[in-house]
């Protein structure tokens, strides 16, 4: 379900409509949201493995890197979402009501 503001006043709640949005902006936000923690996982593993030379501890470093990446990615993604263009109603969907 998507919340869209109807500036024209033609549509009511419950109407079936066709909505247009920019998918490129959404894809970039998702890449940051999932990509940064994923990269953090490998960086955390690599740094811990190199520094301590222990695989079990490197696993903990990987978890730490994942969490650090998530903490970094969340505010960046929130800023990206705030600047995104809102979806627009293009037209009424064709439906047959009796």
PDB file of N, CA and C in Angstrom:
ATOM      1  N   UNK A   1       0.852  -1.161   0.000  1.00  0.00           N
ATOM      2  CA  UNK A   1       0.000   0.000   0.000  1.00  0.00           C
ATOM      3  C   UNK A   1       0.905   1.233   0.000  1.00  0.00           C
ATOM      4  N   UNK A   2       0.592   2.167  -0.865  1.00  0.00           N
ATOM      5  CA  UNK A   2       1.371   3.389  -0.988  1.00  0.00           C
ATOM      6  C   UNK A   2       0.478   4.580  -0.696  1.00  0.00           C
ATOM      7  N   UNK A   3       0.962   5.495   0.111  1.00  0.00           N
ATOM      8  CA  UNK A   3       0.205   6.709   0.396  1.00  0.00           C
ATOM      9  C   UNK A   3       0.599   7.777  -0.617  1.00  0.00           C
ATOM     10  N   UNK A   4      -0.377   8.266  -1.366  1.00  0.00           N
ATOM     11  CA  UNK A   4      -0.155   9.276  -2.390  1.00  0.00           C
ATOM     12  C   UNK A   4      -1.110  10.423  -2.152  1.00  0.00           C
ATOM     13  N   UNK A   5      -0.605  11.635  -2.228  1.00  0.00           N
ATOM     14  CA  UNK A   5      -1.450  12.812  -2.050  1.00  0.00           C
ATOM     15  C   UNK A   5      -2.093  13.155  -3.386  1.00  0.00           C
ATOM     16  N   UNK A   6      -3.413  13.295  -3.390  1.00  0.00           N
ATOM     17  CA  UNK A   6      -4.159  13.637  -4.599  1.00  0.00           C
ATOM     18  C   UNK A   6      -4.367  15.144  -4.629  1.00  0.00           C
ATOM     19  N   UNK A   7      -3.549  15.831  -5.403  1.00  0.00           N
ATOM     20  CA  UNK A   7      -3.648  17.285  -5.487  1.00  0.00           C
ATOM     21  C   UNK A   7      -4.823  17.726  -6.361  1.00  0.00           C
ATOM     22  N   UNK A   8      -5.265  16.865  -7.286  1.00  0.00           N
ATOM     23  CA  UNK A   8      -6.341  17.246  -8.200  1.00  0.00           C
ATOM     24  C   UNK A   8      -7.720  17.135  -7.557  1.00  0.00           C
ATOM     25  N   UNK A   9      -7.870  16.286  -6.556  1.00  0.00           N
ATOM     26  CA  UNK A   9      -9.161  16.106  -5.907  1.00  0.00           C
ATOM     27  C   UNK A   9     -10.092  15.188  -6.671  1.00  0.00           C
ATOM     28  N   UNK A  10      -9.599  14.499  -7.693  1.00  0.00           N
ATOM     29  CA  UNK A  10     -10.435  13.608  -8.513  1.00  0.00           C
ATOM     30  C   UNK A  10     -10.679  12.252  -7.872  1.00  0.00           C
ATOM     31  N   UNK A  11      -9.802  11.844  -6.994  1.00  0.00           N
ATOM     32  CA  UNK A  11      -9.831  10.465  -6.502  1.00  0.00           C
ATOM     33  C   UNK A  11     -10.197  10.424  -5.027  1.00  0.00           C
ATOM     34  N   UNK A  12     -10.785   9.290  -4.629  1.00  0.00           N
ATOM     35  CA  UNK A  12     -11.178   9.086  -3.246  1.00  0.00           C
ATOM     36  C   UNK A  12     -10.441   7.872  -2.695  1.00  0.00           C
ATOM     37  N   UNK A  13     -10.440   7.745  -1.388  1.00  0.00           N
ATOM     38  CA  UNK A  13      -9.824   6.578  -0.761  1.00  0.00           C
ATOM     39  C   UNK A  13     -10.536   5.323  -1.259  1.00  0.00           C
ATOM     40  N   UNK A  14      -9.774   4.333  -1.655  1.00  0.00           N
ATOM     41  CA  UNK A  14     -10.336   3.082  -2.152  1.00  0.00           C
ATOM     42  C   UNK A  14     -10.379   2.991  -3.666  1.00  0.00           C
ATOM     43  N   UNK A  15     -10.180   4.116  -4.370  1.00  0.00           N
ATOM     44  CA  UNK A  15     -10.141   4.083  -5.841  1.00  0.00           C
ATOM     45  C   UNK A  15      -8.904   3.331  -6.302  1.00  0.00           C
ATOM     46  N   UNK A  16      -9.057   2.566  -7.375  1.00  0.00           N
ATOM     47  CA  UNK A  16      -7.914   1.879  -7.965  1.00  0.00           C
ATOM     48  C   UNK A  16      -7.301   2.798  -9.003  1.00  0.00           C
ATOM     49  N   UNK A  17      -6.016   3.113  -8.810  1.00  0.00           N
ATOM     50  CA  UNK A  17      -5.336   4.054  -9.690  1.00  0.00           C
ATOM     51  C   UNK A  17      -3.994   3.475 -10.144  1.00  0.00           C
ATOM     52  N   UNK A  18      -3.425   4.086 -11.169  1.00  0.00           N
ATOM     53  CA  UNK A  18      -2.091   3.738 -11.629  1.00  0.00           C
ATOM     54  C   UNK A  18      -1.141   4.794 -11.068  1.00  0.00           C
ATOM     55  N   UNK A  19      -0.067   4.326 -10.409  1.00  0.00           N
ATOM     56  CA  UNK A  19       0.867   5.212  -9.737  1.00  0.00           C
ATOM     57  C   UNK A  19       2.217   5.138 -10.446  1.00  0.00           C
ATOM     58  N   UNK A  20       2.858   6.291 -10.620  1.00  0.00           N
ATOM     59  CA  UNK A  20       4.170   6.360 -11.254  1.00  0.00           C
ATOM     60  C   UNK A  20       5.193   6.835 -10.229  1.00  0.00           C
ATOM     61  N   UNK A  21       6.361   6.182 -10.202  1.00  0.00           N
ATOM     62  CA  UNK A  21       7.433   6.617  -9.301  1.00  0.00           C
ATOM     63  C   UNK A  21       8.779   6.350  -9.957  1.00  0.00           C
ATOM     64  N   UNK A  22       9.808   6.989  -9.435  1.00  0.00           N
ATOM     65  CA  UNK A  22      11.163   6.824  -9.949  1.00  0.00           C
ATOM     66  C   UNK A  22      11.794   5.596  -9.292  1.00  0.00           C
ATOM     67  N   UNK A  23      12.091   4.562 -10.073  1.00  0.00           N
ATOM     68  CA  UNK A  23      12.683   3.353  -9.511  1.00  0.00           C
ATOM     69  C   UNK A  23      14.186   3.496  -9.294  1.00  0.00           C
ATOM     70  N   UNK A  24      14.836   4.371 -10.031  1.00  0.00           N
ATOM     71  CA  UNK A  24      16.277   4.551  -9.879  1.00  0.00           C
ATOM     72  C   UNK A  24      16.651   5.045  -8.499  1.00  0.00           C
ATOM     73  N   UNK A  25      15.889   5.975  -7.968  1.00  0.00           N
ATOM     74  CA  UNK A  25      16.159   6.512  -6.633  1.00  0.00           C
ATOM     75  C   UNK A  25      15.954   5.442  -5.560  1.00  0.00           C
ATOM     76  N   UNK A  26      14.931   4.633  -5.737  1.00  0.00           N
ATOM     77  CA  UNK A  26      14.661   3.554  -4.783  1.00  0.00           C
ATOM     78  C   UNK A  26      15.775   2.524  -4.834  1.00  0.00           C
ATOM     79  N   UNK A  27      16.248   2.197  -6.025  1.00  0.00           N
ATOM     80  CA  UNK A  27      17.333   1.221  -6.175  1.00  0.00           C
ATOM     81  C   UNK A  27      18.613   1.710  -5.499  1.00  0.00           C
ATOM     82  N   UNK A  28      18.916   2.994  -5.634  1.00  0.00           N
ATOM     83  CA  UNK A  28      20.109   3.547  -4.986  1.00  0.00           C
ATOM     84  C   UNK A  28      19.990   3.458  -3.458  1.00  0.00           C
ATOM     85  N   UNK A  29      18.821   3.796  -2.938  1.00  0.00           N
ATOM     86  CA  UNK A  29      18.615   3.735  -1.489  1.00  0.00           C
ATOM     87  C   UNK A  29      18.742   2.295  -0.979  1.00  0.00           C
ATOM     88  N   UNK A  30      18.204   1.338  -1.723  1.00  0.00           N
ATOM     89  CA  UNK A  30      18.318  -0.056  -1.315  1.00  0.00           C
ATOM     90  C   UNK A  30      19.755  -0.549  -1.396  1.00  0.00           C
ATOM     91  N   UNK A  31      20.502  -0.083  -2.403  1.00  0.00           N
ATOM     92  CA  UNK A  31      21.905  -0.467  -2.527  1.00  0.00           C
ATOM     93  C   UNK A  31      22.705   0.017  -1.321  1.00  0.00           C
ATOM     94  N   UNK A  32      22.425   1.234  -0.860  1.00  0.00           N
ATOM     95  CA  UNK A  32      23.111   1.752   0.330  1.00  0.00           C
ATOM     96  C   UNK A  32      22.657   0.992   1.570  1.00  0.00           C
ATOM     97  N   UNK A  33      21.355   0.783   1.703  1.00  0.00           N
ATOM     98  CA  UNK A  33      20.807   0.144   2.896  1.00  0.00           C
ATOM     99  C   UNK A  33      21.340  -1.269   3.098  1.00  0.00           C
ATOM    100  N   UNK A  34      21.471  -2.042   2.018  1.00  0.00           N
ATOM    101  CA  UNK A  34      21.946  -3.417   2.129  1.00  0.00           C
ATOM    102  C   UNK A  34      23.434  -3.553   1.811  1.00  0.00           C
ATOM    103  N   UNK A  35      23.965  -2.710   0.950  1.00  0.00           N
ATOM    104  CA  UNK A  35      25.352  -2.828   0.522  1.00  0.00           C
ATOM    105  C   UNK A  35      26.361  -2.419   1.570  1.00  0.00           C
ATOM    106  N   UNK A  36      26.114  -1.321   2.259  1.00  0.00           N
ATOM    107  CA  UNK A  36      27.075  -0.825   3.255  1.00  0.00           C
ATOM    108  C   UNK A  36      27.257  -1.832   4.400  1.00  0.00           C
ATOM    109  N   UNK A  37      26.196  -2.400   4.985  1.00  0.00           N
ATOM    110  CA  UNK A  37      26.414  -3.408   6.029  1.00  0.00           C
ATOM    111  C   UNK A  37      27.116  -4.665   5.494  1.00  0.00           C
ATOM    112  N   UNK A  38      26.809  -5.051   4.262  1.00  0.00           N
ATOM    113  CA  UNK A  38      27.438  -6.227   3.661  1.00  0.00           C
ATOM    114  C   UNK A  38      28.943  -6.016   3.513  1.00  0.00           C
ATOM    115  N   UNK A  39      29.329  -4.844   3.038  1.00  0.00           N
ATOM    116  CA  UNK A  39      30.755  -4.522   2.916  1.00  0.00           C
ATOM    117  C   UNK A  39      31.387  -4.430   4.305  1.00  0.00           C
ATOM    118  N   UNK A  40      30.663  -3.864   5.266  1.00  0.00           N
ATOM    119  CA  UNK A  40      31.152  -3.776   6.643  1.00  0.00           C
ATOM    120  C   UNK A  40      31.431  -5.141   7.253  1.00  0.00           C
ATOM    121  N   UNK A  41      30.621  -6.128   6.895  1.00  0.00           N
ATOM    122  CA  UNK A  41      30.820  -7.486   7.372  1.00  0.00           C
ATOM    123  C   UNK A  41      32.195  -8.000   6.957  1.00  0.00           C
ATOM    124  N   UNK A  42      32.534  -7.832   5.679  1.00  0.00           N
ATOM    125  CA  UNK A  42      33.822  -8.318   5.182  1.00  0.00           C
ATOM    126  C   UNK A  42      34.989  -7.498   5.707  1.00  0.00           C
ATOM    127  N   UNK A  43      34.813  -6.212   5.832  1.00  0.00           N
ATOM    128  CA  UNK A  43      35.881  -5.368   6.384  1.00  0.00           C
ATOM    129  C   UNK A  43      36.135  -5.725   7.848  1.00  0.00           C
ATOM    130  N   UNK A  44      35.068  -5.904   8.615  1.00  0.00           N
ATOM    131  CA  UNK A  44      35.211  -6.290  10.019  1.00  0.00           C
ATOM    132  C   UNK A  44      35.903  -7.630  10.169  1.00  0.00           C
ATOM    133  N   UNK A  45      35.548  -8.579   9.312  1.00  0.00           N
ATOM    134  CA  UNK A  45      36.203  -9.885   9.350  1.00  0.00           C
ATOM    135  C   UNK A  45      37.683  -9.747   9.009  1.00  0.00           C
ATOM    136  N   UNK A  46      37.979  -9.038   7.921  1.00  0.00           N
ATOM    137  CA  UNK A  46      39.358  -8.909   7.463  1.00  0.00           C
ATOM    138  C   UNK A  46      40.257  -8.229   8.472  1.00  0.00           C
ATOM    139  N   UNK A  47      39.802  -7.132   9.030  1.00  0.00           N
ATOM    140  CA  UNK A  47      40.607  -6.395  10.009  1.00  0.00           C
ATOM    141  C   UNK A  47      40.859  -7.256  11.253  1.00  0.00           C
ATOM    142  N   UNK A  48      39.806  -7.907  11.762  1.00  0.00           N
ATOM    143  CA  UNK A  48      39.951  -8.719  12.965  1.00  0.00           C
ATOM    144  C   UNK A  48      40.835  -9.939  12.707  1.00  0.00           C
ATOM    145  N   UNK A  49      40.670 -10.556  11.556  1.00  0.00           N
ATOM    146  CA  UNK A  49      41.492 -11.741  11.209  1.00  0.00           C
ATOM    147  C   UNK A  49      42.952 -11.353  11.081  1.00  0.00           C
ATOM    148  N   UNK A  50      43.215 -10.222  10.450  1.00  0.00           N
ATOM    149  CA  UNK A  50      44.591  -9.762  10.268  1.00  0.00           C
ATOM    150  C   UNK A  50      45.222  -9.354  11.601  1.00  0.00           C
ATOM    151  N   UNK A  51      44.454  -8.661  12.422  1.00  0.00           N
ATOM    152  CA  UNK A  51      44.991  -8.144  13.685  1.00  0.00           C
ATOM    153  C   UNK A  51      45.185  -9.238  14.740  1.00  0.00           C
ATOM    154  N   UNK A  52      44.230 -10.170  14.842  1.00  0.00           N
ATOM    155  CA  UNK A  52      44.288 -11.169  15.906  1.00  0.00           C
ATOM    156  C   UNK A  52      44.704 -12.553  15.427  1.00  0.00           C
ATOM    157  N   UNK A  53      44.539 -12.843  14.148  1.00  0.00           N
ATOM    158  CA  UNK A  53      44.930 -14.146  13.607  1.00  0.00           C
ATOM    159  C   UNK A  53      44.057 -15.296  14.061  1.00  0.00           C
ATOM    160  N   UNK A  54      42.868 -15.010  14.520  1.00  0.00           N
ATOM    161  CA  UNK A  54      41.964 -16.050  15.019  1.00  0.00           C
ATOM    162  C   UNK A  54      40.657 -16.017  14.237  1.00  0.00           C
ATOM    163  N   UNK A  55      40.274 -17.195  13.716  1.00  0.00           N
ATOM    164  CA  UNK A  55      39.031 -17.265  12.947  1.00  0.00           C
ATOM    165  C   UNK A  55      37.777 -17.032  13.804  1.00  0.00           C
ATOM    166  N   UNK A  56      37.648 -17.656  14.978  1.00  0.00           N
ATOM    167  CA  UNK A  56      36.445 -17.392  15.782  1.00  0.00           C
ATOM    168  C   UNK A  56      36.292 -15.919  16.168  1.00  0.00           C
ATOM    169  N   UNK A  57      37.405 -15.284  16.511  1.00  0.00           N
ATOM    170  CA  UNK A  57      37.320 -13.866  16.847  1.00  0.00           C
ATOM    171  C   UNK A  57      37.045 -13.017  15.614  1.00  0.00           C
ATOM    172  N   UNK A  58      37.522 -13.470  14.459  1.00  0.00           N
ATOM    173  CA  UNK A  58      37.244 -12.757  13.217  1.00  0.00           C
ATOM    174  C   UNK A  58      35.752 -12.803  12.898  1.00  0.00           C
ATOM    175  N   UNK A  59      35.093 -13.895  13.287  1.00  0.00           N
ATOM    176  CA  UNK A  59      33.636 -13.987  13.120  1.00  0.00           C
ATOM    177  C   UNK A  59      32.921 -12.924  13.939  1.00  0.00           C
ATOM    178  N   UNK A  60      33.407 -12.700  15.152  1.00  0.00           N
ATOM    179  CA  UNK A  60      32.830 -11.638  15.980  1.00  0.00           C
ATOM    180  C   UNK A  60      33.110 -10.265  15.368  1.00  0.00           C
ATOM    181  N   UNK A  61      34.311 -10.116  14.788  1.00  0.00           N
ATOM    182  CA  UNK A  61      34.637  -8.867  14.092  1.00  0.00           C
ATOM    183  C   UNK A  61      33.734  -8.639  12.903  1.00  0.00           C
ATOM    184  N   UNK A  62      33.364  -9.725  12.218  1.00  0.00           N
ATOM    185  CA  UNK A  62      32.447  -9.616  11.078  1.00  0.00           C
ATOM    186  C   UNK A  62      31.073  -9.135  11.531  1.00  0.00           C
ATOM    187  N   UNK A  63      30.614  -9.671  12.648  1.00  0.00           N
ATOM    188  CA  UNK A  63      29.320  -9.235  13.187  1.00  0.00           C
ATOM    189  C   UNK A  63      29.389  -7.760  13.586  1.00  0.00           C
ATOM    190  N   UNK A  64      30.499  -7.373  14.198  1.00  0.00           N
ATOM    191  CA  UNK A  64      30.682  -5.963  14.563  1.00  0.00           C
ATOM    192  C   UNK A  64      30.703  -5.062  13.339  1.00  0.00           C
ATOM    193  N   UNK A  65      31.374  -5.511  12.272  1.00  0.00           N
ATOM    194  CA  UNK A  65      31.406  -4.743  11.028  1.00  0.00           C
ATOM    195  C   UNK A  65      30.029  -4.621  10.401  1.00  0.00           C
ATOM    196  N   UNK A  66      29.246  -5.700  10.478  1.00  0.00           N
ATOM    197  CA  UNK A  66      27.880  -5.674   9.957  1.00  0.00           C
ATOM    198  C   UNK A  66      27.029  -4.664  10.715  1.00  0.00           C
ATOM    199  N   UNK A  67      27.125  -4.684  12.036  1.00  0.00           N
ATOM    200  CA  UNK A  67      26.348  -3.742  12.846  1.00  0.00           C
ATOM    201  C   UNK A  67      26.801  -2.300  12.624  1.00  0.00           C
ATOM    202  N   UNK A  68      28.118  -2.096  12.512  1.00  0.00           N
ATOM    203  CA  UNK A  68      28.621  -0.750  12.249  1.00  0.00           C
ATOM    204  C   UNK A  68      28.143  -0.251  10.890  1.00  0.00           C
ATOM    205  N   UNK A  69      28.155  -1.142   9.893  1.00  0.00           N
ATOM    206  CA  UNK A  69      27.663  -0.772   8.568  1.00  0.00           C
ATOM    207  C   UNK A  69      26.192  -0.410   8.592  1.00  0.00           C
ATOM    208  N   UNK A  70      25.415  -1.148   9.371  1.00  0.00           N
ATOM    209  CA  UNK A  70      23.979  -0.852   9.487  1.00  0.00           C
ATOM    210  C   UNK A  70      23.756   0.499  10.148  1.00  0.00           C
ATOM    211  N   UNK A  71      24.557   0.813  11.171  1.00  0.00           N
ATOM    212  CA  UNK A  71      24.430   2.112  11.841  1.00  0.00           C
ATOM    213  C   UNK A  71      24.828   3.263  10.920  1.00  0.00           C
ATOM    214  N   UNK A  72      25.747   3.016  10.013  1.00  0.00           N
ATOM    215  CA  UNK A  72      26.157   4.039   9.051  1.00  0.00           C
ATOM    216  C   UNK A  72      25.117   4.187   7.940  1.00  0.00           C
ATOM    217  N   UNK A  73      24.590   3.061   7.460  1.00  0.00           N
ATOM    218  CA  UNK A  73      23.682   3.070   6.309  1.00  0.00           C
ATOM    219  C   UNK A  73      22.309   3.659   6.623  1.00  0.00           C
ATOM    220  N   UNK A  74      21.827   3.444   7.815  1.00  0.00           N
ATOM    221  CA  UNK A  74      20.459   3.885   8.135  1.00  0.00           C
ATOM    222  C   UNK A  74      20.248   5.388   7.987  1.00  0.00           C
ATOM    223  N   UNK A  75      21.072   6.257   8.590  1.00  0.00           N
ATOM    224  CA  UNK A  75      20.828   7.696   8.417  1.00  0.00           C
ATOM    225  C   UNK A  75      21.044   8.170   6.972  1.00  0.00           C
ATOM    226  N   UNK A  76      21.987   7.547   6.284  1.00  0.00           N
ATOM    227  CA  UNK A  76      22.208   7.918   4.881  1.00  0.00           C
ATOM    228  C   UNK A  76      20.968   7.595   4.058  1.00  0.00           C
ATOM    229  N   UNK A  77      20.410   6.413   4.281  1.00  0.00           N
ATOM    230  CA  UNK A  77      19.219   5.994   3.539  1.00  0.00           C
ATOM    231  C   UNK A  77      18.019   6.870   3.883  1.00  0.00           C
ATOM    232  N   UNK A  78      17.877   7.230   5.140  1.00  0.00           N
ATOM    233  CA  UNK A  78      16.759   8.106   5.539  1.00  0.00           C
ATOM    234  C   UNK A  78      16.839   9.455   4.840  1.00  0.00           C
ATOM    235  N   UNK A  79      18.064  10.011   4.721  1.00  0.00           N
ATOM    236  CA  UNK A  79      18.231  11.279   3.998  1.00  0.00           C
ATOM    237  C   UNK A  79      17.883  11.118   2.526  1.00  0.00           C
ATOM    238  N   UNK A  80      18.275   9.991   1.942  1.00  0.00           N
ATOM    239  CA  UNK A  80      17.971   9.741   0.533  1.00  0.00           C
ATOM    240  C   UNK A  80      16.462   9.646   0.313  1.00  0.00           C
ATOM    241  N   UNK A  81      15.765   8.974   1.220  1.00  0.00           N
ATOM    242  CA  UNK A  81      14.317   8.803   1.083  1.00  0.00           C
ATOM    243  C   UNK A  81      13.597  10.141   1.212  1.00  0.00           C
ATOM    244  N   UNK A  82      14.076  11.026   2.091  1.00  0.00           N
ATOM    245  CA  UNK A  82      13.440  12.336   2.261  1.00  0.00           C
ATOM    246  C   UNK A  82      13.527  13.187   0.996  1.00  0.00           C
ATOM    247  N   UNK A  83      14.590  13.012   0.217  1.00  0.00           N
ATOM    248  CA  UNK A  83      14.763  13.820  -0.994  1.00  0.00           C
ATOM    249  C   UNK A  83      14.143  13.177  -2.227  1.00  0.00           C
ATOM    250  N   UNK A  84      13.599  11.967  -2.083  1.00  0.00           N
ATOM    251  CA  UNK A  84      12.989  11.282  -3.231  1.00  0.00           C
ATOM    252  C   UNK A  84      11.719  11.986  -3.677  1.00  0.00           C
ATOM    253  N   UNK A  85      11.470  11.887  -4.959  1.00  0.00           N
ATOM    254  CA  UNK A  85      10.235  12.436  -5.518  1.00  0.00           C
ATOM    255  C   UNK A  85       9.074  11.531  -5.105  1.00  0.00           C
ATOM    256  N   UNK A  86       7.985  12.144  -4.669  1.00  0.00           N
ATOM    257  CA  UNK A  86       6.822  11.383  -4.237  1.00  0.00           C
ATOM    258  C   UNK A  86       6.142  10.713  -5.434  1.00  0.00           C
ATOM    259  N   UNK A  87       5.563   9.519  -5.229  1.00  0.00           N
ATOM    260  CA  UNK A  87       4.816   8.874  -6.322  1.00  0.00           C
ATOM    261  C   UNK A  87       3.635   9.742  -6.744  1.00  0.00           C
ATOM    262  N   UNK A  88       3.281   9.662  -8.025  1.00  0.00           N
ATOM    263  CA  UNK A  88       2.168  10.462  -8.572  1.00  0.00           C
ATOM    264  C   UNK A  88       1.086   9.544  -9.118  1.00  0.00           C
ATOM    265  N   UNK A  89      -0.159  10.009  -9.006  1.00  0.00           N
ATOM    266  CA  UNK A  89      -1.266   9.298  -9.632  1.00  0.00           C
ATOM    267  C   UNK A  89      -1.277   9.682 -11.109  1.00  0.00           C
ATOM    268  N   UNK A  90      -1.193   8.675 -11.977  1.00  0.00           N
ATOM    269  CA  UNK A  90      -1.171   8.927 -13.416  1.00  0.00           C
ATOM    270  C   UNK A  90      -2.582   8.898 -13.983  1.00  0.00           C
ATOM    271  N   UNK A  91      -3.345   7.875 -13.624  1.00  0.00           N
ATOM    272  CA  UNK A  91      -4.719   7.772 -14.125  1.00  0.00           C
ATOM    273  C   UNK A  91      -5.490   6.770 -13.279  1.00  0.00           C
ATOM    274  N   UNK A  92      -6.759   6.707 -13.553  1.00  0.00           N
ATOM    275  CA  UNK A  92      -7.610   5.737 -12.874  1.00  0.00           C
ATOM    276  C   UNK A  92      -7.399   4.381 -13.535  1.00  0.00           C
ATOM    277  N   UNK A  93      -7.341   3.335 -12.729  1.00  0.00           N
ATOM    278  CA  UNK A  93      -7.168   1.971 -13.262  1.00  0.00           C
ATOM    279  C   UNK A  93      -8.485   1.523 -13.874  1.00  0.00           C
ATOM    280  N   UNK A  94      -8.395   0.758 -14.936  1.00  0.00           N
ATOM    281  CA  UNK A  94      -9.588   0.223 -15.588  1.00  0.00           C
ATOM    282  C   UNK A  94     -10.110  -0.922 -14.743  1.00  0.00           C
ATOM    283  N   UNK A  95     -11.321  -0.785 -14.305  1.00  0.00           N
ATOM    284  CA  UNK A  95     -11.952  -1.867 -13.558  1.00  0.00           C
ATOM    285  C   UNK A  95     -13.437  -1.853 -13.889  1.00  0.00           C
ATOM    286  N   UNK A  96     -14.017  -3.020 -13.823  1.00  0.00           N
ATOM    287  CA  UNK A  96     -15.440  -3.128 -14.133  1.00  0.00           C
ATOM    288  C   UNK A  96     -16.219  -3.306 -12.852  1.00  0.00           C
ATOM    289  N   UNK A  97     -16.994  -2.291 -12.512  1.00  0.00           N
ATOM    290  CA  UNK A  97     -17.832  -2.369 -11.315  1.00  0.00           C
ATOM    291  C   UNK A  97     -19.271  -2.512 -11.775  1.00  0.00           C
ATOM    292  N   UNK A  98     -19.995  -3.307 -11.032  1.00  0.00           N
ATOM    293  CA  UNK A  98     -21.410  -3.493 -11.365  1.00  0.00           C
ATOM    294  C   UNK A  98     -22.287  -2.762 -10.398  1.00  0.00           C
TER     295      UNK A  98
END
